Amino acid sequence: MRWIESLTGNYSSSASVVDGTLIISLPQAITPVVWRMDLGNVKASALEVRSLDNGTHVLTLKTPKGDIHDIAPFAQRGRAIEALMAVSRAMEQAQGQIRPIAANMPEIGSVLTKAPAPIKKKNKGRALTGVIGTILLLGLIALLLNMGPRTQNQSTSSARATAPTTGVPLSADDFLNNR
């Protein structure tokens, strides 16, 4: 059975929170689905795995009103629980990405003091890394250009051409004039 999974890509359930929206990808479900929910508008809800009489296991969402929404049916209970745990991990790692309900409702948000926006450290770190990388690259290019062969000025090469070679007798006037 494992070789079939490796041939078909062995896709597993995944979940993430992006801009306050929970996104769940369930390729192992009987009917594969990508499901999303805006977490800013949800006061309280629960995700659970329900076992049905026909042997399938359904990942469901329960709202405080008692409404039950089926997200995806699974043939194996383990796969349904794996999907549930993927959602749990995504929610745990979503700290700072989920907006409070008061921020979404203007009548409550105006009464309460709003929390400051979270600081995005990643953008500052990327900008600093880019600046340092550019400086290092320019320094390396300057170093490589200085290591190359140097050409002599025309004036120094012409003076050396008119100067007599070593070992040839020279008068004092000629020596002082060429200096």
N, C-alpha and C. Protein backbone atom coordinates (compact mmCIF):
# COMPACT_ATOMS: atom_id res chain seq x y z
N MET A 1 0.81 -1.19 0.00
CA MET A 1 0.00 0.00 0.00
C MET A 1 0.86 1.26 0.00
N ARG A 2 2.02 1.22 0.69
CA ARG A 2 2.90 2.38 0.75
C ARG A 2 3.44 2.75 -0.64
N TRP A 3 3.70 1.76 -1.48
CA TRP A 3 4.24 2.07 -2.80
C TRP A 3 3.19 2.78 -3.65
N ILE A 4 1.93 2.52 -3.43
CA ILE A 4 0.88 3.24 -4.14
C ILE A 4 0.88 4.70 -3.71
N GLU A 5 1.03 4.95 -2.40
CA GLU A 5 1.08 6.32 -1.90
C GLU A 5 2.27 7.07 -2.48
N SER A 6 3.42 6.39 -2.58
CA SER A 6 4.59 7.08 -3.13
C SER A 6 4.43 7.35 -4.62
N LEU A 7 3.70 6.50 -5.33
CA LEU A 7 3.47 6.74 -6.76
C LEU A 7 2.47 7.86 -7.00
N THR A 8 1.50 8.00 -6.12
CA THR A 8 0.45 9.01 -6.31
C THR A 8 0.80 10.34 -5.68
N GLY A 9 1.95 10.49 -5.09
CA GLY A 9 2.38 11.76 -4.52
C GLY A 9 2.32 11.82 -3.01
N ASN A 10 1.64 10.87 -2.37
CA ASN A 10 1.54 10.79 -0.91
C ASN A 10 1.18 12.15 -0.31
N TYR A 11 0.13 12.74 -0.82
CA TYR A 11 -0.32 14.03 -0.31
C TYR A 11 -0.92 13.85 1.07
N SER A 12 -0.64 14.77 1.95
CA SER A 12 -1.21 14.70 3.30
C SER A 12 -1.98 15.98 3.58
N SER A 13 -2.83 15.91 4.58
CA SER A 13 -3.64 17.07 4.95
C SER A 13 -2.75 18.16 5.50
N SER A 14 -3.10 19.41 5.19
CA SER A 14 -2.33 20.54 5.70
C SER A 14 -3.28 21.68 6.01
N ALA A 15 -2.83 22.56 6.88
CA ALA A 15 -3.63 23.72 7.26
C ALA A 15 -2.69 24.87 7.57
N SER A 16 -3.16 26.09 7.30
CA SER A 16 -2.39 27.28 7.63
C SER A 16 -3.35 28.44 7.84
N VAL A 17 -2.85 29.44 8.54
CA VAL A 17 -3.62 30.65 8.76
C VAL A 17 -2.90 31.77 8.01
N VAL A 18 -3.61 32.39 7.07
CA VAL A 18 -3.05 33.48 6.27
C VAL A 18 -3.99 34.66 6.37
N ASP A 19 -3.47 35.79 6.87
CA ASP A 19 -4.25 37.02 7.02
C ASP A 19 -5.57 36.79 7.73
N GLY A 20 -5.56 36.04 8.80
CA GLY A 20 -6.75 35.81 9.59
C GLY A 20 -7.73 34.81 8.98
N THR A 21 -7.31 34.08 7.96
CA THR A 21 -8.16 33.08 7.32
C THR A 21 -7.54 31.70 7.47
N LEU A 22 -8.32 30.77 7.99
CA LEU A 22 -7.87 29.38 8.12
C LEU A 22 -8.08 28.69 6.77
N ILE A 23 -7.03 28.11 6.22
CA ILE A 23 -7.09 27.39 4.95
C ILE A 23 -6.69 25.95 5.21
N ILE A 24 -7.59 25.03 4.88
CA ILE A 24 -7.35 23.60 5.11
C ILE A 24 -7.35 22.90 3.75
N SER A 25 -6.31 22.12 3.49
CA SER A 25 -6.22 21.31 2.27
C SER A 25 -6.33 19.85 2.69
N LEU A 26 -7.33 19.16 2.14
CA LEU A 26 -7.61 17.77 2.54
C LEU A 26 -7.60 16.84 1.33
N PRO A 27 -6.42 16.54 0.78
CA PRO A 27 -6.36 15.68 -0.41
C PRO A 27 -6.63 14.20 -0.10
N GLN A 28 -6.55 13.77 1.16
CA GLN A 28 -6.77 12.38 1.51
C GLN A 28 -8.23 12.07 1.82
N ALA A 29 -9.10 13.06 1.73
CA ALA A 29 -10.51 12.83 2.00
C ALA A 29 -11.12 12.02 0.85
N ILE A 30 -12.30 11.45 1.11
CA ILE A 30 -13.00 10.70 0.05
C ILE A 30 -13.28 11.64 -1.11
N THR A 31 -13.70 12.84 -0.80
CA THR A 31 -13.84 13.91 -1.79
C THR A 31 -12.83 14.98 -1.42
N PRO A 32 -11.64 15.02 -2.06
CA PRO A 32 -10.62 16.00 -1.69
C PRO A 32 -11.17 17.43 -1.78
N VAL A 33 -10.78 18.24 -0.82
CA VAL A 33 -11.33 19.58 -0.74
C VAL A 33 -10.29 20.54 -0.15
N VAL A 34 -10.38 21.82 -0.57
CA VAL A 34 -9.66 22.91 0.07
C VAL A 34 -10.75 23.78 0.69
N TRP A 35 -10.65 24.03 1.98
CA TRP A 35 -11.70 24.70 2.73
C TRP A 35 -11.10 25.90 3.43
N ARG A 36 -11.85 27.02 3.50
CA ARG A 36 -11.35 28.20 4.18
C ARG A 36 -12.42 28.81 5.05
N MET A 37 -11.97 29.50 6.11
CA MET A 37 -12.87 30.14 7.05
C MET A 37 -12.20 31.40 7.58
N ASP A 38 -12.93 32.52 7.57
CA ASP A 38 -12.43 33.77 8.11
C ASP A 38 -12.52 33.70 9.64
N LEU A 39 -11.38 33.72 10.30
CA LEU A 39 -11.35 33.55 11.75
C LEU A 39 -11.73 34.83 12.49
N GLY A 40 -11.68 35.97 11.83
CA GLY A 40 -12.02 37.22 12.48
C GLY A 40 -13.49 37.34 12.80
N ASN A 41 -14.36 36.65 12.06
CA ASN A 41 -15.80 36.74 12.28
C ASN A 41 -16.34 35.61 13.15
N VAL A 42 -15.50 34.69 13.54
CA VAL A 42 -15.94 33.53 14.32
C VAL A 42 -15.70 33.81 15.79
N LYS A 43 -16.78 33.77 16.58
CA LYS A 43 -16.63 33.98 18.02
C LYS A 43 -16.06 32.73 18.67
N ALA A 44 -16.73 31.62 18.45
CA ALA A 44 -16.29 30.34 19.02
C ALA A 44 -16.85 29.24 18.14
N SER A 45 -16.08 28.23 17.92
CA SER A 45 -16.52 27.07 17.15
C SER A 45 -15.60 25.91 17.50
N ALA A 46 -16.00 24.73 17.06
CA ALA A 46 -15.21 23.54 17.35
C ALA A 46 -15.13 22.68 16.10
N LEU A 47 -13.96 22.13 15.88
CA LEU A 47 -13.76 21.14 14.82
C LEU A 47 -13.71 19.78 15.50
N GLU A 48 -14.39 18.81 14.92
CA GLU A 48 -14.36 17.47 15.50
C GLU A 48 -14.49 16.42 14.41
N VAL A 49 -14.12 15.19 14.76
CA VAL A 49 -14.25 14.05 13.85
C VAL A 49 -15.46 13.24 14.34
N ARG A 50 -16.44 13.06 13.44
CA ARG A 50 -17.64 12.28 13.77
C ARG A 50 -17.62 11.00 12.96
N SER A 51 -17.91 9.90 13.60
CA SER A 51 -18.00 8.61 12.92
C SER A 51 -19.44 8.36 12.52
N LEU A 52 -19.65 8.03 11.26
CA LEU A 52 -20.99 7.75 10.77
C LEU A 52 -21.24 6.25 10.74
N ASP A 53 -22.51 5.86 10.57
CA ASP A 53 -22.89 4.44 10.56
C ASP A 53 -22.31 3.68 9.37
N ASN A 54 -22.07 4.36 8.26
CA ASN A 54 -21.56 3.68 7.07
C ASN A 54 -20.04 3.46 7.12
N GLY A 55 -19.39 3.80 8.22
CA GLY A 55 -17.96 3.54 8.37
C GLY A 55 -17.08 4.72 7.98
N THR A 56 -17.67 5.79 7.52
CA THR A 56 -16.86 6.97 7.19
C THR A 56 -16.73 7.87 8.41
N HIS A 57 -15.73 8.70 8.37
CA HIS A 57 -15.45 9.62 9.46
C HIS A 57 -15.39 11.02 8.85
N VAL A 58 -16.16 11.94 9.42
CA VAL A 58 -16.32 13.26 8.83
C VAL A 58 -15.71 14.32 9.74
N LEU A 59 -14.87 15.17 9.15
CA LEU A 59 -14.35 16.33 9.86
C LEU A 59 -15.45 17.39 9.79
N THR A 60 -15.92 17.85 10.96
CA THR A 60 -17.05 18.78 11.00
C THR A 60 -16.70 20.03 11.80
N LEU A 61 -17.47 21.09 11.53
CA LEU A 61 -17.35 22.34 12.26
C LEU A 61 -18.66 22.56 13.00
N LYS A 62 -18.57 22.77 14.32
CA LYS A 62 -19.75 23.06 15.14
C LYS A 62 -19.71 24.52 15.55
N THR A 63 -20.81 25.24 15.33
CA THR A 63 -20.90 26.64 15.72
C THR A 63 -21.58 26.75 17.08
N PRO A 64 -21.47 27.90 17.74
CA PRO A 64 -22.13 28.07 19.04
C PRO A 64 -23.65 27.94 18.95
N LYS A 65 -24.24 28.21 17.81
CA LYS A 65 -25.68 28.07 17.64
C LYS A 65 -26.11 26.61 17.53
N GLY A 66 -25.15 25.71 17.41
CA GLY A 66 -25.47 24.30 17.28
C GLY A 66 -25.48 23.81 15.84
N ASP A 67 -25.17 24.68 14.89
CA ASP A 67 -25.09 24.27 13.49
C ASP A 67 -23.87 23.39 13.29
N ILE A 68 -24.04 22.36 12.48
CA ILE A 68 -22.94 21.45 12.17
C ILE A 68 -22.70 21.50 10.67
N HIS A 69 -21.46 21.82 10.29
CA HIS A 69 -21.07 21.90 8.88
C HIS A 69 -20.05 20.80 8.60
N ASP A 70 -20.37 19.92 7.67
CA ASP A 70 -19.43 18.88 7.28
C ASP A 70 -18.37 19.51 6.38
N ILE A 71 -17.12 19.25 6.71
CA ILE A 71 -16.01 19.77 5.90
C ILE A 71 -15.57 18.73 4.89
N ALA A 72 -15.25 17.50 5.35
CA ALA A 72 -14.81 16.45 4.43
C ALA A 72 -14.97 15.08 5.07
N PRO A 73 -15.44 14.09 4.29
CA PRO A 73 -15.52 12.72 4.80
C PRO A 73 -14.22 11.96 4.51
N PHE A 74 -13.85 11.08 5.43
CA PHE A 74 -12.65 10.26 5.29
C PHE A 74 -13.02 8.79 5.42
N ALA A 75 -12.32 7.93 4.71
CA ALA A 75 -12.56 6.49 4.80
C ALA A 75 -11.92 5.92 6.05
N GLN A 76 -10.82 6.53 6.51
CA GLN A 76 -10.10 6.03 7.68
C GLN A 76 -10.13 7.09 8.79
N ARG A 77 -10.35 6.65 10.01
CA ARG A 77 -10.42 7.58 11.14
C ARG A 77 -9.07 8.27 11.35
N GLY A 78 -7.98 7.55 11.15
CA GLY A 78 -6.65 8.12 11.33
C GLY A 78 -6.38 9.30 10.41
N ARG A 79 -6.86 9.22 9.18
CA ARG A 79 -6.67 10.33 8.24
C ARG A 79 -7.48 11.55 8.67
N ALA A 80 -8.68 11.32 9.19
CA ALA A 80 -9.52 12.42 9.67
C ALA A 80 -8.87 13.10 10.88
N ILE A 81 -8.31 12.31 11.78
CA ILE A 81 -7.64 12.87 12.95
C ILE A 81 -6.36 13.60 12.52
N GLU A 82 -5.66 13.08 11.52
CA GLU A 82 -4.47 13.76 10.99
C GLU A 82 -4.85 15.15 10.47
N ALA A 83 -5.97 15.26 9.79
CA ALA A 83 -6.44 16.55 9.29
C ALA A 83 -6.79 17.47 10.46
N LEU A 84 -7.46 16.93 11.48
CA LEU A 84 -7.81 17.71 12.66
C LEU A 84 -6.56 18.25 13.35
N MET A 85 -5.52 17.43 13.45
CA MET A 85 -4.29 17.86 14.10
C MET A 85 -3.54 18.89 13.26
N ALA A 86 -3.64 18.79 11.93
CA ALA A 86 -3.03 19.81 11.07
C ALA A 86 -3.68 21.17 11.32
N VAL A 87 -4.99 21.18 11.50
CA VAL A 87 -5.71 22.42 11.81
C VAL A 87 -5.26 22.94 13.18
N SER A 88 -5.13 22.04 14.13
CA SER A 88 -4.70 22.44 15.47
C SER A 88 -3.32 23.08 15.44
N ARG A 89 -2.37 22.48 14.71
CA ARG A 89 -1.03 23.06 14.60
C ARG A 89 -1.07 24.43 13.95
N ALA A 90 -1.87 24.58 12.91
CA ALA A 90 -1.97 25.87 12.21
C ALA A 90 -2.53 26.95 13.14
N MET A 91 -3.52 26.59 13.93
CA MET A 91 -4.11 27.56 14.85
C MET A 91 -3.12 27.95 15.96
N GLU A 92 -2.32 26.99 16.41
CA GLU A 92 -1.32 27.28 17.43
C GLU A 92 -0.24 28.22 16.90
N GLN A 93 0.13 28.06 15.65
CA GLN A 93 1.19 28.86 15.05
C GLN A 93 0.68 30.18 14.49
N ALA A 94 -0.60 30.45 14.60
CA ALA A 94 -1.20 31.65 14.01
C ALA A 94 -1.19 32.84 14.96
N GLN A 95 -0.40 32.80 15.97
CA GLN A 95 -0.37 33.88 16.95
C GLN A 95 -0.06 35.20 16.25
N GLY A 96 -0.90 36.20 16.47
CA GLY A 96 -0.70 37.51 15.87
C GLY A 96 -1.32 37.66 14.50
N GLN A 97 -1.79 36.58 13.89
CA GLN A 97 -2.38 36.65 12.56
C GLN A 97 -3.91 36.70 12.61
N ILE A 98 -4.47 36.37 13.76
CA ILE A 98 -5.93 36.35 13.89
C ILE A 98 -6.35 37.66 14.53
N ARG A 99 -7.19 38.41 13.83
CA ARG A 99 -7.66 39.69 14.34
C ARG A 99 -8.76 39.44 15.36
N PRO A 100 -8.79 40.21 16.44
CA PRO A 100 -9.87 40.05 17.41
C PRO A 100 -11.20 40.49 16.81
N ILE A 101 -12.28 39.97 17.35
CA ILE A 101 -13.61 40.27 16.82
C ILE A 101 -13.90 41.76 16.94
N ALA A 102 -13.46 42.42 18.01
CA ALA A 102 -13.73 43.84 18.21
C ALA A 102 -13.16 44.69 17.09
N ALA A 103 -12.05 44.27 16.50
CA ALA A 103 -11.45 45.03 15.40
C ALA A 103 -12.30 44.92 14.15
N ASN A 104 -13.10 43.87 14.01
CA ASN A 104 -13.94 43.68 12.84
C ASN A 104 -15.30 44.34 12.97
N MET A 105 -15.69 44.71 14.19
CA MET A 105 -17.00 45.31 14.42
C MET A 105 -16.80 46.75 14.87
N PRO A 106 -17.11 47.73 14.04
CA PRO A 106 -16.81 49.12 14.38
C PRO A 106 -17.49 49.61 15.65
N GLU A 107 -18.71 49.15 15.96
CA GLU A 107 -19.40 49.66 17.15
C GLU A 107 -18.70 49.20 18.42
N ILE A 108 -18.10 48.01 18.43
CA ILE A 108 -17.37 47.55 19.60
C ILE A 108 -15.95 48.09 19.57
N GLY A 109 -15.36 48.16 18.41
CA GLY A 109 -13.98 48.63 18.29
C GLY A 109 -13.82 50.08 18.71
N SER A 110 -14.85 50.92 18.53
CA SER A 110 -14.73 52.32 18.92
C SER A 110 -14.79 52.48 20.43
N VAL A 111 -15.48 51.58 21.12
CA VAL A 111 -15.59 51.67 22.58
C VAL A 111 -14.31 51.17 23.23
N LEU A 112 -13.79 50.07 22.73
CA LEU A 112 -12.57 49.49 23.29
C LEU A 112 -11.36 50.15 22.66
N THR A 113 -10.27 50.15 23.38
CA THR A 113 -9.04 50.64 22.79
C THR A 113 -8.44 49.53 21.95
N LYS A 114 -8.03 49.89 20.78
CA LYS A 114 -7.49 48.88 19.86
C LYS A 114 -6.04 48.58 20.20
N ALA A 115 -5.70 47.34 20.07
CA ALA A 115 -4.32 46.91 20.32
C ALA A 115 -3.46 47.37 19.15
N PRO A 116 -2.20 47.72 19.40
CA PRO A 116 -1.34 48.13 18.30
C PRO A 116 -1.10 46.98 17.35
N ALA A 117 -0.87 47.33 16.10
CA ALA A 117 -0.63 46.31 15.08
C ALA A 117 0.67 45.58 15.39
N PRO A 118 0.72 44.28 15.12
CA PRO A 118 1.95 43.54 15.39
C PRO A 118 3.09 44.04 14.51
N ILE A 119 4.27 44.07 15.08
CA ILE A 119 5.45 44.52 14.34
C ILE A 119 5.90 43.42 13.42
N LYS A 120 6.14 43.78 12.19
CA LYS A 120 6.60 42.80 11.21
C LYS A 120 8.12 42.82 11.20
N LYS A 121 8.70 41.88 11.90
CA LYS A 121 10.15 41.82 11.99
C LYS A 121 10.77 41.20 10.75
N LYS A 122 10.02 40.38 10.05
CA LYS A 122 10.58 39.70 8.89
C LYS A 122 10.96 40.70 7.80
N ASN A 123 10.13 41.72 7.56
CA ASN A 123 10.43 42.69 6.51
C ASN A 123 11.66 43.50 6.85
N LYS A 124 11.83 43.90 8.12
CA LYS A 124 13.01 44.65 8.51
C LYS A 124 14.25 43.79 8.35
N GLY A 125 14.17 42.54 8.73
CA GLY A 125 15.30 41.64 8.61
C GLY A 125 15.69 41.40 7.16
N ARG A 126 14.69 41.27 6.30
CA ARG A 126 14.98 41.06 4.88
C ARG A 126 15.62 42.29 4.27
N ALA A 127 15.15 43.48 4.63
CA ALA A 127 15.72 44.71 4.09
C ALA A 127 17.16 44.87 4.56
N LEU A 128 17.41 44.61 5.84
CA LEU A 128 18.77 44.72 6.37
C LEU A 128 19.69 43.70 5.71
N THR A 129 19.21 42.50 5.52
CA THR A 129 19.99 41.47 4.84
C THR A 129 20.32 41.89 3.41
N GLY A 130 19.36 42.48 2.72
CA GLY A 130 19.58 42.95 1.35
C GLY A 130 20.62 44.04 1.29
N VAL A 131 20.58 45.01 2.21
CA VAL A 131 21.55 46.11 2.23
C VAL A 131 22.95 45.57 2.52
N ILE A 132 23.06 44.71 3.51
CA ILE A 132 24.38 44.14 3.85
C ILE A 132 24.91 43.31 2.69
N GLY A 133 24.06 42.53 2.06
CA GLY A 133 24.48 41.73 0.91
C GLY A 133 24.96 42.59 -0.24
N THR A 134 24.28 43.70 -0.49
CA THR A 134 24.68 44.61 -1.58
C THR A 134 26.03 45.24 -1.28
N ILE A 135 26.23 45.67 -0.03
CA ILE A 135 27.52 46.26 0.34
C ILE A 135 28.65 45.25 0.20
N LEU A 136 28.42 44.03 0.65
CA LEU A 136 29.45 42.99 0.51
C LEU A 136 29.74 42.68 -0.95
N LEU A 137 28.71 42.64 -1.78
CA LEU A 137 28.91 42.38 -3.20
C LEU A 137 29.72 43.49 -3.87
N LEU A 138 29.39 44.75 -3.57
CA LEU A 138 30.15 45.86 -4.15
C LEU A 138 31.60 45.85 -3.66
N GLY A 139 31.82 45.54 -2.38
CA GLY A 139 33.19 45.45 -1.86
C GLY A 139 33.98 44.35 -2.54
N LEU A 140 33.34 43.21 -2.79
CA LEU A 140 34.01 42.11 -3.46
C LEU A 140 34.37 42.48 -4.90
N ILE A 141 33.46 43.15 -5.57
CA ILE A 141 33.74 43.58 -6.96
C ILE A 141 34.90 44.57 -6.98
N ALA A 142 34.93 45.55 -6.04
CA ALA A 142 36.03 46.52 -5.98
C ALA A 142 37.36 45.81 -5.70
N LEU A 143 37.34 44.83 -4.82
CA LEU A 143 38.56 44.08 -4.50
C LEU A 143 39.07 43.32 -5.73
N LEU A 144 38.16 42.68 -6.44
CA LEU A 144 38.56 41.93 -7.63
C LEU A 144 39.10 42.85 -8.72
N LEU A 145 38.53 44.03 -8.87
CA LEU A 145 39.01 44.97 -9.88
C LEU A 145 40.40 45.50 -9.53
N ASN A 146 40.70 45.69 -8.24
CA ASN A 146 42.03 46.16 -7.82
C ASN A 146 43.09 45.09 -7.93
N MET A 147 42.69 43.82 -7.96
CA MET A 147 43.67 42.73 -8.04
C MET A 147 44.13 42.48 -9.47
N GLY A 148 43.44 43.00 -10.44
CA GLY A 148 43.77 42.75 -11.84
C GLY A 148 45.06 43.44 -12.25
N PRO A 149 45.55 43.15 -13.46
CA PRO A 149 46.80 43.79 -13.93
C PRO A 149 46.59 45.29 -14.09
N ARG A 150 47.61 46.04 -13.69
CA ARG A 150 47.52 47.49 -13.75
C ARG A 150 48.26 48.00 -14.98
N THR A 151 47.66 48.96 -15.64
CA THR A 151 48.31 49.58 -16.81
C THR A 151 49.08 50.79 -16.34
N GLN A 152 50.24 51.06 -16.97
CA GLN A 152 51.06 52.19 -16.58
C GLN A 152 50.63 53.42 -17.35
N ASN A 153 50.88 54.57 -16.75
CA ASN A 153 50.54 55.82 -17.42
C ASN A 153 51.44 56.03 -18.63
N GLN A 154 50.98 56.80 -19.58
CA GLN A 154 51.76 57.08 -20.79
C GLN A 154 53.03 57.84 -20.44
N SER A 155 52.97 58.76 -19.47
CA SER A 155 54.14 59.59 -19.15
C SER A 155 55.26 58.75 -18.54
N THR A 156 54.93 57.81 -17.67
CA THR A 156 55.99 57.01 -17.04
C THR A 156 56.57 56.02 -18.04
N SER A 157 55.74 55.48 -18.94
CA SER A 157 56.30 54.54 -19.90
C SER A 157 57.16 55.23 -20.94
N SER A 158 56.84 56.49 -21.32
CA SER A 158 57.67 57.20 -22.30
C SER A 158 58.98 57.64 -21.68
N ALA A 159 58.98 57.99 -20.38
CA ALA A 159 60.21 58.39 -19.71
C ALA A 159 61.16 57.21 -19.61
N ARG A 160 60.60 56.05 -19.35
CA ARG A 160 61.45 54.87 -19.26
C ARG A 160 61.99 54.48 -20.63
N ALA A 161 61.25 54.76 -21.68
CA ALA A 161 61.71 54.42 -23.03
C ALA A 161 62.89 55.29 -23.42
N THR A 162 62.93 56.56 -22.99
CA THR A 162 64.04 57.45 -23.36
C THR A 162 65.24 57.27 -22.44
N ALA A 163 65.05 56.68 -21.26
CA ALA A 163 66.16 56.48 -20.35
C ALA A 163 67.06 55.38 -20.89
N PRO A 164 68.36 55.55 -20.73
CA PRO A 164 69.30 54.54 -21.23
C PRO A 164 69.20 53.27 -20.40
N THR A 165 69.60 52.19 -20.98
CA THR A 165 69.57 50.91 -20.30
C THR A 165 70.70 50.82 -19.30
N THR A 166 70.63 49.88 -18.40
CA THR A 166 71.62 49.70 -17.36
C THR A 166 72.93 49.24 -17.97
N GLY A 167 74.01 49.80 -17.44
CA GLY A 167 75.34 49.40 -17.88
C GLY A 167 75.90 50.24 -19.02
N VAL A 168 75.15 51.18 -19.53
CA VAL A 168 75.61 52.05 -20.62
C VAL A 168 76.16 53.32 -19.99
N PRO A 169 77.33 53.74 -20.40
CA PRO A 169 77.91 54.96 -19.82
C PRO A 169 77.03 56.17 -20.17
N LEU A 170 76.93 57.11 -19.21
CA LEU A 170 76.07 58.27 -19.37
C LEU A 170 76.77 59.46 -18.74
N SER A 171 76.63 60.61 -19.39
CA SER A 171 77.24 61.82 -18.84
C SER A 171 76.38 62.33 -17.69
N ALA A 172 76.96 63.17 -16.84
CA ALA A 172 76.26 63.70 -15.68
C ALA A 172 75.12 64.61 -16.11
N ASP A 173 75.32 65.39 -17.16
CA ASP A 173 74.25 66.29 -17.63
C ASP A 173 73.04 65.49 -18.13
N ASP A 174 73.29 64.41 -18.89
CA ASP A 174 72.18 63.58 -19.37
C ASP A 174 71.44 62.92 -18.21
N PHE A 175 72.21 62.48 -17.20
CA PHE A 175 71.57 61.82 -16.05
C PHE A 175 70.67 62.79 -15.29
N LEU A 176 71.18 64.02 -15.07
CA LEU A 176 70.40 65.01 -14.33
C LEU A 176 69.23 65.54 -15.12
N ASN A 177 69.33 65.61 -16.44
CA ASN A 177 68.23 66.08 -17.25
C ASN A 177 67.07 65.06 -17.29
N ASN A 178 67.38 63.79 -17.24
CA ASN A 178 66.33 62.75 -17.29
C ASN A 178 65.66 62.54 -15.94
N ARG A 179 66.24 63.06 -14.90
CA ARG A 179 65.71 62.86 -13.57
C ARG A 179 64.48 63.60 -13.36
